[in-house]
Amino acid sequence: RGLIHYPKVLFLDEPTLGLDAQTRRKIWDYIRFLNIHYK
């Protein structure tokens, strides 16, 4: 939802708070993808 309007700057406040370790790692991969793919 935060990406739907193609923002130039994305603010993530505790993006993996309360998630298990495996899910946190997946979220990390998504965050890295956004940073690299969308600059």
Full PDB file with SEQRES, HELIX, SHEET, SSBOND, CRYST1, ORIGX, SCALE, CONECT and MASTER records, all heavy atoms in Angstrom:
SEQRES   1 A   39  ARG GLY LEU ILE HIS TYR PRO LYS VAL LEU PHE LEU ASP          
SEQRES   2 A   39  GLU PRO THR LEU GLY LEU ASP ALA GLN THR ARG ARG LYS          
SEQRES   3 A   39  ILE TRP ASP TYR ILE ARG PHE LEU ASN ILE HIS TYR LYS          
HELIX    1 AA1 ALA A   21  HIS A   37  1                                  17    
CRYST1    1.000    1.000    1.000  90.00  90.00  90.00 P 1           1          
ORIGX1      1.000000  0.000000  0.000000        0.00000                         
ORIGX2      0.000000  1.000000  0.000000        0.00000                         
ORIGX3      0.000000  0.000000  1.000000        0.00000                         
SCALE1      1.000000  0.000000  0.000000        0.00000                         
SCALE2      0.000000  1.000000  0.000000        0.00000                         
SCALE3      0.000000  0.000000  1.000000        0.00000                         
ATOM      1  N   ARG A   1       0.826  -1.209   0.000  1.00  0.00           N  
ATOM      2  CA  ARG A   1       0.000   0.000   0.000  1.00  0.00           C  
ATOM      3  C   ARG A   1       0.859   1.258   0.000  1.00  0.00           C  
ATOM      4  O   ARG A   1       0.544   2.257  -0.654  1.00  0.00           O  
ATOM      5  CB  ARG A   1      -0.921  -0.006   1.223  1.00  0.00           C  
ATOM      6  CG  ARG A   1      -1.951   1.106   1.211  1.00  0.00           C  
ATOM      7  CD  ARG A   1      -2.806   1.059   2.449  1.00  0.00           C  
ATOM      8  NE  ARG A   1      -2.001   1.232   3.667  1.00  0.00           N  
ATOM      9  CZ  ARG A   1      -2.520   1.232   4.890  1.00  0.00           C  
ATOM     10  NH1 ARG A   1      -3.810   1.025   5.071  1.00  0.00           N  
ATOM     11  NH2 ARG A   1      -1.732   1.405   5.941  1.00  0.00           N  
ATOM     12  N   GLY A   2       1.969   1.205   0.736  1.00  0.00           N  
ATOM     13  CA  GLY A   2       2.861   2.358   0.772  1.00  0.00           C  
ATOM     14  C   GLY A   2       3.554   2.630  -0.544  1.00  0.00           C  
ATOM     15  O   GLY A   2       4.091   3.719  -0.768  1.00  0.00           O  
ATOM     16  N   LEU A   3       3.549   1.632  -1.442  1.00  0.00           N  
ATOM     17  CA  LEU A   3       4.229   1.775  -2.733  1.00  0.00           C  
ATOM     18  C   LEU A   3       3.299   2.171  -3.872  1.00  0.00           C  
ATOM     19  O   LEU A   3       3.764   2.487  -4.962  1.00  0.00           O  
ATOM     20  CB  LEU A   3       4.884   0.433  -3.119  1.00  0.00           C  
ATOM     21  CG  LEU A   3       5.903  -0.150  -2.163  1.00  0.00           C  
ATOM     22  CD1 LEU A   3       6.358  -1.516  -2.665  1.00  0.00           C  
ATOM     23  CD2 LEU A   3       7.082   0.779  -2.033  1.00  0.00           C  
ATOM     24  N   ILE A   4       1.990   2.140  -3.636  1.00  0.00           N  
ATOM     25  CA  ILE A   4       1.020   2.207  -4.726  1.00  0.00           C  
ATOM     26  C   ILE A   4       1.147   3.485  -5.556  1.00  0.00           C  
ATOM     27  O   ILE A   4       0.834   3.513  -6.742  1.00  0.00           O  
ATOM     28  CB  ILE A   4      -0.413   2.054  -4.171  1.00  0.00           C  
ATOM     29  CG1 ILE A   4      -1.389   1.632  -5.267  1.00  0.00           C  
ATOM     30  CG2 ILE A   4      -0.875   3.329  -3.480  1.00  0.00           C  
ATOM     31  CD1 ILE A   4      -1.222   0.203  -5.721  1.00  0.00           C  
ATOM     32  N   HIS A   5       1.632   4.564  -4.945  1.00  0.00           N  
ATOM     33  CA  HIS A   5       1.740   5.837  -5.662  1.00  0.00           C  
ATOM     34  C   HIS A   5       3.184   6.140  -6.079  1.00  0.00           C  
ATOM     35  O   HIS A   5       3.501   7.270  -6.448  1.00  0.00           O  
ATOM     36  CB  HIS A   5       1.200   6.980  -4.803  1.00  0.00           C  
ATOM     37  CG  HIS A   5       1.897   7.140  -3.494  1.00  0.00           C  
ATOM     38  ND1 HIS A   5       1.859   6.177  -2.509  1.00  0.00           N  
ATOM     39  CD2 HIS A   5       2.647   8.155  -2.982  1.00  0.00           C  
ATOM     40  CE1 HIS A   5       2.556   6.601  -1.463  1.00  0.00           C  
ATOM     41  NE2 HIS A   5       3.058   7.792  -1.731  1.00  0.00           N  
ATOM     42  N   TYR A   6       4.041   5.095  -6.054  1.00  0.00           N  
ATOM     43  CA  TYR A   6       5.447   5.228  -6.451  1.00  0.00           C  
ATOM     44  C   TYR A   6       6.149   6.363  -5.701  1.00  0.00           C  
ATOM     45  O   TYR A   6       6.607   7.331  -6.294  1.00  0.00           O  
ATOM     46  CB  TYR A   6       5.563   5.460  -7.957  1.00  0.00           C  
ATOM     47  CG  TYR A   6       5.072   4.342  -8.830  1.00  0.00           C  
ATOM     48  CD1 TYR A   6       4.813   4.557 -10.181  1.00  0.00           C  
ATOM     49  CD2 TYR A   6       4.868   3.057  -8.331  1.00  0.00           C  
ATOM     50  CE1 TYR A   6       4.367   3.530 -11.006  1.00  0.00           C  
ATOM     51  CE2 TYR A   6       4.417   2.029  -9.143  1.00  0.00           C  
ATOM     52  CZ  TYR A   6       4.160   2.265 -10.478  1.00  0.00           C  
ATOM     53  OH  TYR A   6       3.714   1.249 -11.278  1.00  0.00           O  
ATOM     54  N   PRO A   7       6.238   6.278  -4.385  1.00  0.00           N  
ATOM     55  CA  PRO A   7       6.866   7.363  -3.614  1.00  0.00           C  
ATOM     56  C   PRO A   7       8.357   7.453  -3.885  1.00  0.00           C  
ATOM     57  O   PRO A   7       9.008   6.455  -4.197  1.00  0.00           O  
ATOM     58  CB  PRO A   7       6.608   6.949  -2.161  1.00  0.00           C  
ATOM     59  CG  PRO A   7       6.537   5.457  -2.205  1.00  0.00           C  
ATOM     60  CD  PRO A   7       5.857   5.137  -3.511  1.00  0.00           C  
ATOM     61  N   LYS A   8       8.867   8.668  -3.755  1.00  0.00           N  
ATOM     62  CA  LYS A   8      10.312   8.859  -3.876  1.00  0.00           C  
ATOM     63  C   LYS A   8      11.029   8.493  -2.573  1.00  0.00           C  
ATOM     64  O   LYS A   8      12.184   8.058  -2.602  1.00  0.00           O  
ATOM     65  CB  LYS A   8      10.621  10.316  -4.244  1.00  0.00           C  
ATOM     66  CG  LYS A   8      10.209  10.687  -5.659  1.00  0.00           C  
ATOM     67  CD  LYS A   8      10.628  12.115  -5.985  1.00  0.00           C  
ATOM     68  CE  LYS A   8      10.277  12.475  -7.423  1.00  0.00           C  
ATOM     69  NZ  LYS A   8      10.687  13.863  -7.751  1.00  0.00           N  
ATOM     70  N   VAL A   9      10.336   8.701  -1.455  1.00  0.00           N  
ATOM     71  CA  VAL A   9      10.912   8.410  -0.143  1.00  0.00           C  
ATOM     72  C   VAL A   9       9.917   7.560   0.638  1.00  0.00           C  
ATOM     73  O   VAL A   9       8.738   7.906   0.725  1.00  0.00           O  
ATOM     74  CB  VAL A   9      11.222   9.700   0.647  1.00  0.00           C  
ATOM     75  CG1 VAL A   9      11.865   9.355   1.988  1.00  0.00           C  
ATOM     76  CG2 VAL A   9      12.132  10.625  -0.157  1.00  0.00           C  
ATOM     77  N   LEU A  10      10.410   6.453   1.198  1.00  0.00           N  
ATOM     78  CA  LEU A  10       9.562   5.546   1.971  1.00  0.00           C  
ATOM     79  C   LEU A  10      10.042   5.532   3.419  1.00  0.00           C  
ATOM     80  O   LEU A  10      11.223   5.304   3.690  1.00  0.00           O  
ATOM     81  CB  LEU A  10       9.620   4.138   1.384  1.00  0.00           C  
ATOM     82  CG  LEU A  10       8.780   3.063   2.069  1.00  0.00           C  
ATOM     83  CD1 LEU A  10       7.285   3.380   1.945  1.00  0.00           C  
ATOM     84  CD2 LEU A  10       9.079   1.692   1.461  1.00  0.00           C  
ATOM     85  N   PHE A  11       9.114   5.781   4.350  1.00  0.00           N  
ATOM     86  CA  PHE A  11       9.421   5.743   5.778  1.00  0.00           C  
ATOM     87  C   PHE A  11       8.871   4.447   6.368  1.00  0.00           C  
ATOM     88  O   PHE A  11       7.671   4.161   6.237  1.00  0.00           O  
ATOM     89  CB  PHE A  11       8.804   6.942   6.502  1.00  0.00           C  
ATOM     90  CG  PHE A  11       9.411   8.262   6.125  1.00  0.00           C  
ATOM     91  CD1 PHE A  11       8.864   9.020   5.101  1.00  0.00           C  
ATOM     92  CD2 PHE A  11      10.528   8.739   6.792  1.00  0.00           C  
ATOM     93  CE1 PHE A  11       9.422  10.242   4.748  1.00  0.00           C  
ATOM     94  CE2 PHE A  11      11.096   9.962   6.452  1.00  0.00           C  
ATOM     95  CZ  PHE A  11      10.546  10.712   5.419  1.00  0.00           C  
ATOM     96  N   LEU A  12       9.738   3.690   7.006  1.00  0.00           N  
ATOM     97  CA  LEU A  12       9.347   2.418   7.631  1.00  0.00           C  
ATOM     98  C   LEU A  12       9.592   2.517   9.128  1.00  0.00           C  
ATOM     99  O   LEU A  12      10.742   2.573   9.574  1.00  0.00           O  
ATOM    100  CB  LEU A  12      10.165   1.265   7.049  1.00  0.00           C  
ATOM    101  CG  LEU A  12      10.057   1.031   5.540  1.00  0.00           C  
ATOM    102  CD1 LEU A  12      11.020  -0.088   5.117  1.00  0.00           C  
ATOM    103  CD2 LEU A  12       8.636   0.664   5.155  1.00  0.00           C  
ATOM    104  N   ASP A  13       8.521   2.544   9.902  1.00  0.00           N  
ATOM    105  CA  ASP A  13       8.638   2.653  11.351  1.00  0.00           C  
ATOM    106  C   ASP A  13       8.467   1.263  11.959  1.00  0.00           C  
ATOM    107  O   ASP A  13       7.360   0.725  11.990  1.00  0.00           O  
ATOM    108  CB  ASP A  13       7.567   3.611  11.888  1.00  0.00           C  
ATOM    109  CG  ASP A  13       7.723   3.875  13.376  1.00  0.00           C  
ATOM    110  OD1 ASP A  13       8.825   3.628  13.919  1.00  0.00           O  
ATOM    111  OD2 ASP A  13       6.739   4.326  14.000  1.00  0.00           O  
ATOM    112  N   GLU A  14       9.566   0.665  12.404  1.00  0.00           N  
ATOM    113  CA  GLU A  14       9.556  -0.682  12.990  1.00  0.00           C  
ATOM    114  C   GLU A  14       8.836  -1.670  12.064  1.00  0.00           C  
ATOM    115  O   GLU A  14       7.833  -2.278  12.447  1.00  0.00           O  
ATOM    116  CB  GLU A  14       8.880  -0.663  14.367  1.00  0.00           C  
ATOM    117  CG  GLU A  14       9.492   0.298  15.357  1.00  0.00           C  
ATOM    118  CD  GLU A  14      10.765  -0.232  15.995  1.00  0.00           C  
ATOM    119  OE1 GLU A  14      11.196  -1.330  15.633  1.00  0.00           O  
ATOM    120  OE2 GLU A  14      11.320   0.470  16.855  1.00  0.00           O  
ATOM    121  N   PRO A  15       9.324  -1.864  10.829  1.00  0.00           N  
ATOM    122  CA  PRO A  15       8.563  -2.640   9.833  1.00  0.00           C  
ATOM    123  C   PRO A  15       8.378  -4.102  10.168  1.00  0.00           C  
ATOM    124  O   PRO A  15       7.471  -4.739   9.621  1.00  0.00           O  
ATOM    125  CB  PRO A  15       9.406  -2.480   8.560  1.00  0.00           C  
ATOM    126  CG  PRO A  15      10.788  -2.203   9.049  1.00  0.00           C  
ATOM    127  CD  PRO A  15      10.610  -1.385  10.291  1.00  0.00           C  
ATOM    128  N   THR A  16       9.199  -4.691  11.046  1.00  0.00           N  
ATOM    129  CA  THR A  16       9.063  -6.114  11.346  1.00  0.00           C  
ATOM    130  C   THR A  16       8.752  -6.359  12.812  1.00  0.00           C  
ATOM    131  O   THR A  16       8.952  -7.464  13.315  1.00  0.00           O  
ATOM    132  CB  THR A  16      10.348  -6.881  10.955  1.00  0.00           C  
ATOM    133  OG1 THR A  16      11.441  -6.407  11.750  1.00  0.00           O  
ATOM    134  CG2 THR A  16      10.672  -6.691   9.491  1.00  0.00           C  
ATOM    135  N   LEU A  17       8.240  -5.352  13.495  1.00  0.00           N  
ATOM    136  CA  LEU A  17       7.944  -5.476  14.922  1.00  0.00           C  
ATOM    137  C   LEU A  17       6.947  -6.604  15.166  1.00  0.00           C  
ATOM    138  O   LEU A  17       5.882  -6.670  14.553  1.00  0.00           O  
ATOM    139  CB  LEU A  17       7.361  -4.159  15.449  1.00  0.00           C  
ATOM    140  CG  LEU A  17       7.095  -4.085  16.952  1.00  0.00           C  
ATOM    141  CD1 LEU A  17       8.405  -4.117  17.726  1.00  0.00           C  
ATOM    142  CD2 LEU A  17       6.310  -2.829  17.289  1.00  0.00           C  
ATOM    143  N   GLY A  18       7.304  -7.534  16.039  1.00  0.00           N  
ATOM    144  CA  GLY A  18       6.401  -8.602  16.426  1.00  0.00           C  
ATOM    145  C   GLY A  18       6.338  -9.782  15.482  1.00  0.00           C  
ATOM    146  O   GLY A  18       5.602 -10.732  15.741  1.00  0.00           O  
ATOM    147  N   LEU A  19       7.094  -9.758  14.392  1.00  0.00           N  
ATOM    148  CA  LEU A  19       7.073 -10.868  13.435  1.00  0.00           C  
ATOM    149  C   LEU A  19       8.117 -11.911  13.817  1.00  0.00           C  
ATOM    150  O   LEU A  19       9.122 -11.606  14.454  1.00  0.00           O  
ATOM    151  CB  LEU A  19       7.349 -10.352  12.019  1.00  0.00           C  
ATOM    152  CG  LEU A  19       6.371  -9.308  11.469  1.00  0.00           C  
ATOM    153  CD1 LEU A  19       6.786  -8.906  10.054  1.00  0.00           C  
ATOM    154  CD2 LEU A  19       4.942  -9.840  11.471  1.00  0.00           C  
ATOM    155  N   ASP A  20       7.872 -13.151  13.419  1.00  0.00           N  
ATOM    156  CA  ASP A  20       8.847 -14.200  13.693  1.00  0.00           C  
ATOM    157  C   ASP A  20      10.078 -14.014  12.817  1.00  0.00           C  
ATOM    158  O   ASP A  20      10.057 -13.277  11.822  1.00  0.00           O  
ATOM    159  CB  ASP A  20       8.232 -15.586  13.461  1.00  0.00           C  
ATOM    160  CG  ASP A  20       7.791 -15.790  12.024  1.00  0.00           C  
ATOM    161  OD1 ASP A  20       8.639 -16.167  11.191  1.00  0.00           O  
ATOM    162  OD2 ASP A  20       6.607 -15.560  11.720  1.00  0.00           O  
ATOM    163  N   ALA A  21      11.163 -14.707  13.169  1.00  0.00           N  
ATOM    164  CA  ALA A  21      12.452 -14.504  12.499  1.00  0.00           C  
ATOM    165  C   ALA A  21      12.381 -14.801  11.009  1.00  0.00           C  
ATOM    166  O   ALA A  21      12.958 -14.068  10.196  1.00  0.00           O  
ATOM    167  CB  ALA A  21      13.523 -15.376  13.159  1.00  0.00           C  
ATOM    168  N   GLN A  22      11.687 -15.852  10.622  1.00  0.00           N  
ATOM    169  CA  GLN A  22      11.599 -16.210   9.204  1.00  0.00           C  
ATOM    170  C   GLN A  22      10.861 -15.147   8.409  1.00  0.00           C  
ATOM    171  O   GLN A  22      11.298 -14.753   7.321  1.00  0.00           O  
ATOM    172  CB  GLN A  22      10.903 -17.562   9.051  1.00  0.00           C  
ATOM    173  CG  GLN A  22      10.864 -18.064   7.605  1.00  0.00           C  
ATOM    174  CD  GLN A  22      10.213 -19.434   7.494  1.00  0.00           C  
ATOM    175  OE1 GLN A  22       9.617 -19.920   8.444  1.00  0.00           O  
ATOM    176  NE2 GLN A  22      10.318 -20.045   6.335  1.00  0.00           N  
ATOM    177  N   THR A  23       9.744 -14.653   8.956  1.00  0.00           N  
ATOM    178  CA  THR A  23       8.978 -13.615   8.262  1.00  0.00           C  
ATOM    179  C   THR A  23       9.768 -12.318   8.195  1.00  0.00           C  
ATOM    180  O   THR A  23       9.718 -11.598   7.196  1.00  0.00           O  
ATOM    181  CB  THR A  23       7.632 -13.375   8.977  1.00  0.00           C  
ATOM    182  OG1 THR A  23       6.932 -14.616   9.067  1.00  0.00           O  
ATOM    183  CG2 THR A  23       6.778 -12.377   8.213  1.00  0.00           C  
ATOM    184  N   ARG A  24      10.520 -12.010   9.276  1.00  0.00           N  
ATOM    185  CA  ARG A  24      11.357 -10.806   9.257  1.00  0.00           C  
ATOM    186  C   ARG A  24      12.334 -10.849   8.098  1.00  0.00           C  
ATOM    187  O   ARG A  24      12.531  -9.858   7.389  1.00  0.00           O  
ATOM    188  CB  ARG A  24      12.143 -10.683  10.574  1.00  0.00           C  
ATOM    189  CG  ARG A  24      11.386 -10.048  11.698  1.00  0.00           C  
ATOM    190  CD  ARG A  24      12.296  -9.296  12.655  1.00  0.00           C  
ATOM    191  NE  ARG A  24      13.409 -10.092  13.130  1.00  0.00           N  
ATOM    192  CZ  ARG A  24      13.387 -10.844  14.212  1.00  0.00           C  
ATOM    193  NH1 ARG A  24      12.267 -10.972  14.895  1.00  0.00           N  
ATOM    194  NH2 ARG A  24      14.460 -11.501  14.602  1.00  0.00           N  
ATOM    195  N   ARG A  25      12.966 -12.000   7.895  1.00  0.00           N  
ATOM    196  CA  ARG A  25      13.935 -12.132   6.804  1.00  0.00           C  
ATOM    197  C   ARG A  25      13.283 -11.880   5.449  1.00  0.00           C  
ATOM    198  O   ARG A  25      13.885 -11.255   4.558  1.00  0.00           O  
ATOM    199  CB  ARG A  25      14.563 -13.527   6.823  1.00  0.00           C  
ATOM    200  CG  ARG A  25      15.645 -13.690   7.880  1.00  0.00           C  
ATOM    201  CD  ARG A  25      16.944 -13.061   7.425  1.00  0.00           C  
ATOM    202  NE  ARG A  25      17.984 -13.157   8.430  1.00  0.00           N  
ATOM    203  CZ  ARG A  25      19.235 -12.777   8.241  1.00  0.00           C  
ATOM    204  NH1 ARG A  25      19.601 -12.251   7.088  1.00  0.00           N  
ATOM    205  NH2 ARG A  25      20.131 -12.887   9.206  1.00  0.00           N  
ATOM    206  N   LYS A  26      12.059 -12.357   5.265  1.00  0.00           N  
ATOM    207  CA  LYS A  26      11.354 -12.128   4.002  1.00  0.00           C  
ATOM    208  C   LYS A  26      11.077 -10.642   3.796  1.00  0.00           C  
ATOM    209  O   LYS A  26      11.242 -10.121   2.692  1.00  0.00           O  
ATOM    210  CB  LYS A  26      10.043 -12.927   3.975  1.00  0.00           C  
ATOM    211  CG  LYS A  26      10.237 -14.430   3.864  1.00  0.00           C  
ATOM    212  CD  LYS A  26       8.896 -15.145   3.824  1.00  0.00           C  
ATOM    213  CE  LYS A  26       9.095 -16.650   3.696  1.00  0.00           C  
ATOM    214  NZ  LYS A  26       7.803 -17.390   3.693  1.00  0.00           N  
ATOM    215  N   ILE A  27      10.661  -9.973   4.883  1.00  0.00           N  
ATOM    216  CA  ILE A  27      10.403  -8.534   4.787  1.00  0.00           C  
ATOM    217  C   ILE A  27      11.700  -7.799   4.445  1.00  0.00           C  
ATOM    218  O   ILE A  27      11.706  -6.850   3.644  1.00  0.00           O  
ATOM    219  CB  ILE A  27       9.800  -7.998   6.097  1.00  0.00           C  
ATOM    220  CG1 ILE A  27       8.440  -8.650   6.390  1.00  0.00           C  
ATOM    221  CG2 ILE A  27       9.669  -6.481   6.042  1.00  0.00           C  
ATOM    222  CD1 ILE A  27       7.361  -8.325   5.413  1.00  0.00           C  
ATOM    223  N   TRP A  28      12.818  -8.226   5.056  1.00  0.00           N  
ATOM    224  CA  TRP A  28      14.105  -7.612   4.723  1.00  0.00           C  
ATOM    225  C   TRP A  28      14.387  -7.717   3.227  1.00  0.00           C  
ATOM    226  O   TRP A  28      14.867  -6.757   2.615  1.00  0.00           O  
ATOM    227  CB  TRP A  28      15.236  -8.291   5.486  1.00  0.00           C  
ATOM    228  CG  TRP A  28      15.212  -8.105   6.957  1.00  0.00           C  
ATOM    229  CD1 TRP A  28      14.314  -7.353   7.686  1.00  0.00           C  
ATOM    230  CD2 TRP A  28      16.105  -8.676   7.907  1.00  0.00           C  
ATOM    231  NE1 TRP A  28      14.603  -7.437   9.023  1.00  0.00           N  
ATOM    232  CE2 TRP A  28      15.690  -8.239   9.198  1.00  0.00           C  
ATOM    233  CE3 TRP A  28      17.209  -9.514   7.804  1.00  0.00           C  
ATOM    234  CZ2 TRP A  28      16.349  -8.611  10.353  1.00  0.00           C  
ATOM    235  CZ3 TRP A  28      17.875  -9.890   8.967  1.00  0.00           C  
ATOM    236  CH2 TRP A  28      17.453  -9.447  10.214  1.00  0.00           C  
ATOM    237  N   ASP A  29      14.108  -8.874   2.649  1.00  0.00           N  
ATOM    238  CA  ASP A  29      14.350  -9.068   1.212  1.00  0.00           C  
ATOM    239  C   ASP A  29      13.484  -8.132   0.387  1.00  0.00           C  
ATOM    240  O   ASP A  29      13.941  -7.575  -0.621  1.00  0.00           O  
ATOM    241  CB  ASP A  29      14.091 -10.523   0.825  1.00  0.00           C  
ATOM    242  CG  ASP A  29      15.131 -11.484   1.385  1.00  0.00           C  
ATOM    243  OD1 ASP A  29      16.247 -11.014   1.719  1.00  0.00           O  
ATOM    244  OD2 ASP A  29      14.842 -12.684   1.495  1.00  0.00           O  
ATOM    245  N   TYR A  30      12.211  -7.939   0.808  1.00  0.00           N  
ATOM    246  CA  TYR A  30      11.331  -7.013   0.079  1.00  0.00           C  
ATOM    247  C   TYR A  30      11.869  -5.593   0.162  1.00  0.00           C  
ATOM    248  O   TYR A  30      11.866  -4.857  -0.833  1.00  0.00           O  
ATOM    249  CB  TYR A  30       9.909  -7.060   0.646  1.00  0.00           C  
ATOM    250  CG  TYR A  30       9.202  -8.376   0.445  1.00  0.00           C  
ATOM    251  CD1 TYR A  30       8.596  -9.033   1.504  1.00  0.00           C  
ATOM    252  CD2 TYR A  30       9.146  -8.977  -0.809  1.00  0.00           C  
ATOM    253  CE1 TYR A  30       7.962 -10.249   1.335  1.00  0.00           C  
ATOM    254  CE2 TYR A  30       8.514 -10.190  -0.982  1.00  0.00           C  
ATOM    255  CZ  TYR A  30       7.922 -10.825   0.087  1.00  0.00           C  
ATOM    256  OH  TYR A  30       7.294 -12.022  -0.086  1.00  0.00           O  
ATOM    257  N   ILE A  31      12.320  -5.197   1.349  1.00  0.00           N  
ATOM    258  CA  ILE A  31      12.835  -3.838   1.524  1.00  0.00           C  
ATOM    259  C   ILE A  31      14.063  -3.613   0.649  1.00  0.00           C  
ATOM    260  O   ILE A  31      14.191  -2.576  -0.018  1.00  0.00           O  
ATOM    261  CB  ILE A  31      13.161  -3.584   3.008  1.00  0.00           C  
ATOM    262  CG1 ILE A  31      11.873  -3.569   3.833  1.00  0.00           C  
ATOM    263  CG2 ILE A  31      13.916  -2.266   3.180  1.00  0.00           C  
ATOM    264  CD1 ILE A  31      12.101  -3.541   5.340  1.00  0.00           C  
ATOM    265  N   ARG A  32      14.960  -4.577   0.623  1.00  0.00           N  
ATOM    266  CA  ARG A  32      16.148  -4.460  -0.226  1.00  0.00           C  
ATOM    267  C   ARG A  32      15.767  -4.378  -1.696  1.00  0.00           C  
ATOM    268  O   ARG A  32      16.345  -3.611  -2.462  1.00  0.00           O  
ATOM    269  CB  ARG A  32      17.082  -5.649   0.004  1.00  0.00           C  
ATOM    270  CG  ARG A  32      18.095  -5.405   1.099  1.00  0.00           C  
ATOM    271  CD  ARG A  32      19.215  -6.412   1.029  1.00  0.00           C  
ATOM    272  NE  ARG A  32      20.382  -5.977   1.775  1.00  0.00           N  
ATOM    273  CZ  ARG A  32      21.467  -6.705   1.941  1.00  0.00           C  
ATOM    274  NH1 ARG A  32      21.532  -7.917   1.422  1.00  0.00           N  
ATOM    275  NH2 ARG A  32      22.489  -6.251   2.626  1.00  0.00           N  
ATOM    276  N   PHE A  33      14.787  -5.184  -2.105  1.00  0.00           N  
ATOM    277  CA  PHE A  33      14.335  -5.167  -3.495  1.00  0.00           C  
ATOM    278  C   PHE A  33      13.801  -3.793  -3.871  1.00  0.00           C  
ATOM    279  O   PHE A  33      14.126  -3.258  -4.936  1.00  0.00           O  
ATOM    280  CB  PHE A  33      13.254  -6.231  -3.703  1.00  0.00           C  
ATOM    281  CG  PHE A  33      12.636  -6.203  -5.073  1.00  0.00           C  
ATOM    282  CD1 PHE A  33      13.272  -6.808  -6.153  1.00  0.00           C  
ATOM    283  CD2 PHE A  33      11.429  -5.560  -5.290  1.00  0.00           C  
ATOM    284  CE1 PHE A  33      12.711  -6.776  -7.414  1.00  0.00           C  
ATOM    285  CE2 PHE A  33      10.851  -5.522  -6.559  1.00  0.00           C  
ATOM    286  CZ  PHE A  33      11.502  -6.138  -7.630  1.00  0.00           C  
ATOM    287  N   LEU A  34      12.978  -3.203  -3.007  1.00  0.00           N  
ATOM    288  CA  LEU A  34      12.418  -1.874  -3.279  1.00  0.00           C  
ATOM    289  C   LEU A  34      13.526  -0.847  -3.436  1.00  0.00           C  
ATOM    290  O   LEU A  34      13.494  -0.010  -4.346  1.00  0.00           O  
ATOM    291  CB  LEU A  34      11.497  -1.447  -2.135  1.00  0.00           C  
ATOM    292  CG  LEU A  34      10.284  -2.327  -1.865  1.00  0.00           C  
ATOM    293  CD1 LEU A  34       9.544  -1.832  -0.639  1.00  0.00           C  
ATOM    294  CD2 LEU A  34       9.374  -2.374  -3.067  1.00  0.00           C  
ATOM    295  N   ASN A  35      14.485  -0.900  -2.536  1.00  0.00           N  
ATOM    296  CA  ASN A  35      15.583   0.051  -2.557  1.00  0.00           C  
ATOM    297  C   ASN A  35      16.400  -0.058  -3.833  1.00  0.00           C  
ATOM    298  O   ASN A  35      16.739   0.949  -4.470  1.00  0.00           O  
ATOM    299  CB  ASN A  35      16.458  -0.172  -1.323  1.00  0.00           C  
ATOM    300  CG  ASN A  35      17.684   0.707  -1.297  1.00  0.00           C  
ATOM    301  OD1 ASN A  35      18.799   0.208  -1.304  1.00  0.00           O  
ATOM    302  ND2 ASN A  35      17.502   2.011  -1.284  1.00  0.00           N  
ATOM    303  N   ILE A  36      16.704  -1.283  -4.251  1.00  0.00           N  
ATOM    304  CA  ILE A  36      17.558  -1.501  -5.417  1.00  0.00           C  
ATOM    305  C   ILE A  36      16.780  -1.346  -6.721  1.00  0.00           C  
ATOM    306  O   ILE A  36      17.200  -0.623  -7.636  1.00  0.00           O  
ATOM    307  CB  ILE A  36      18.216  -2.894  -5.351  1.00  0.00           C  
ATOM    308  CG1 ILE A  36      19.167  -2.967  -4.147  1.00  0.00           C  
ATOM    309  CG2 ILE A  36      18.975  -3.206  -6.634  1.00  0.00           C  
ATOM    310  CD1 ILE A  36      19.679  -4.358  -3.847  1.00  0.00           C  
ATOM    311  N   HIS A  37      15.608  -1.993  -6.811  1.00  0.00           N  
ATOM    312  CA  HIS A  37      14.857  -2.023  -8.074  1.00  0.00           C  
ATOM    313  C   HIS A  37      14.245  -0.674  -8.409  1.00  0.00           C  
ATOM    314  O   HIS A  37      14.250  -0.250  -9.561  1.00  0.00           O  
ATOM    315  CB  HIS A  37      13.760  -3.092  -7.992  1.00  0.00           C  
ATOM    316  CG  HIS A  37      12.979  -3.254  -9.248  1.00  0.00           C  
ATOM    317  ND1 HIS A  37      13.490  -3.903 -10.369  1.00  0.00           N  
ATOM    318  CD2 HIS A  37      11.725  -2.846  -9.602  1.00  0.00           C  
ATOM    319  CE1 HIS A  37      12.583  -3.896 -11.322  1.00  0.00           C  
ATOM    320  NE2 HIS A  37      11.505  -3.259 -10.893  1.00  0.00           N  
ATOM    321  N   TYR A  38      13.697  -0.003  -7.392  1.00  0.00           N  
ATOM    322  CA  TYR A  38      13.011   1.269  -7.632  1.00  0.00           C  
ATOM    323  C   TYR A  38      13.899   2.481  -7.343  1.00  0.00           C  
ATOM    324  O   TYR A  38      13.443   3.614  -7.463  1.00  0.00           O  
ATOM    325  CB  TYR A  38      11.757   1.356  -6.768  1.00  0.00           C  
ATOM    326  CG  TYR A  38      10.655   0.416  -7.190  1.00  0.00           C  
ATOM    327  CD1 TYR A  38      10.479  -0.801  -6.552  1.00  0.00           C  
ATOM    328  CD2 TYR A  38       9.790   0.736  -8.221  1.00  0.00           C  
ATOM    329  CE1 TYR A  38       9.472  -1.675  -6.923  1.00  0.00           C  
ATOM    330  CE2 TYR A  38       8.778  -0.123  -8.604  1.00  0.00           C  
ATOM    331  CZ  TYR A  38       8.619  -1.330  -7.954  1.00  0.00           C  
ATOM    332  OH  TYR A  38       7.623  -2.197  -8.325  1.00  0.00           O  
ATOM    333  N   LYS A  39      15.152   2.245  -6.925  1.00  0.00           N  
ATOM    334  CA  LYS A  39      16.046   3.341  -6.533  1.00  0.00           C  
ATOM    335  C   LYS A  39      15.382   4.218  -5.482  1.00  0.00           C  
ATOM    336  O   LYS A  39      15.517   5.445  -5.460  1.00  0.00           O  
ATOM    337  CB  LYS A  39      16.422   4.204  -7.747  1.00  0.00           C  
ATOM    338  CG  LYS A  39      16.961   3.436  -8.926  1.00  0.00           C  
ATOM    339  CD  LYS A  39      18.274   2.763  -8.620  1.00  0.00           C  
ATOM    340  CE  LYS A  39      18.846   2.073  -9.855  1.00  0.00           C  
ATOM    341  NZ  LYS A  39      20.008   1.233  -9.558  1.00  0.00           N  
TER     342      LYS A  39                                                      
MASTER        0    0    0    1    0    0    0    6  341    1    0    3          
END                                                                             
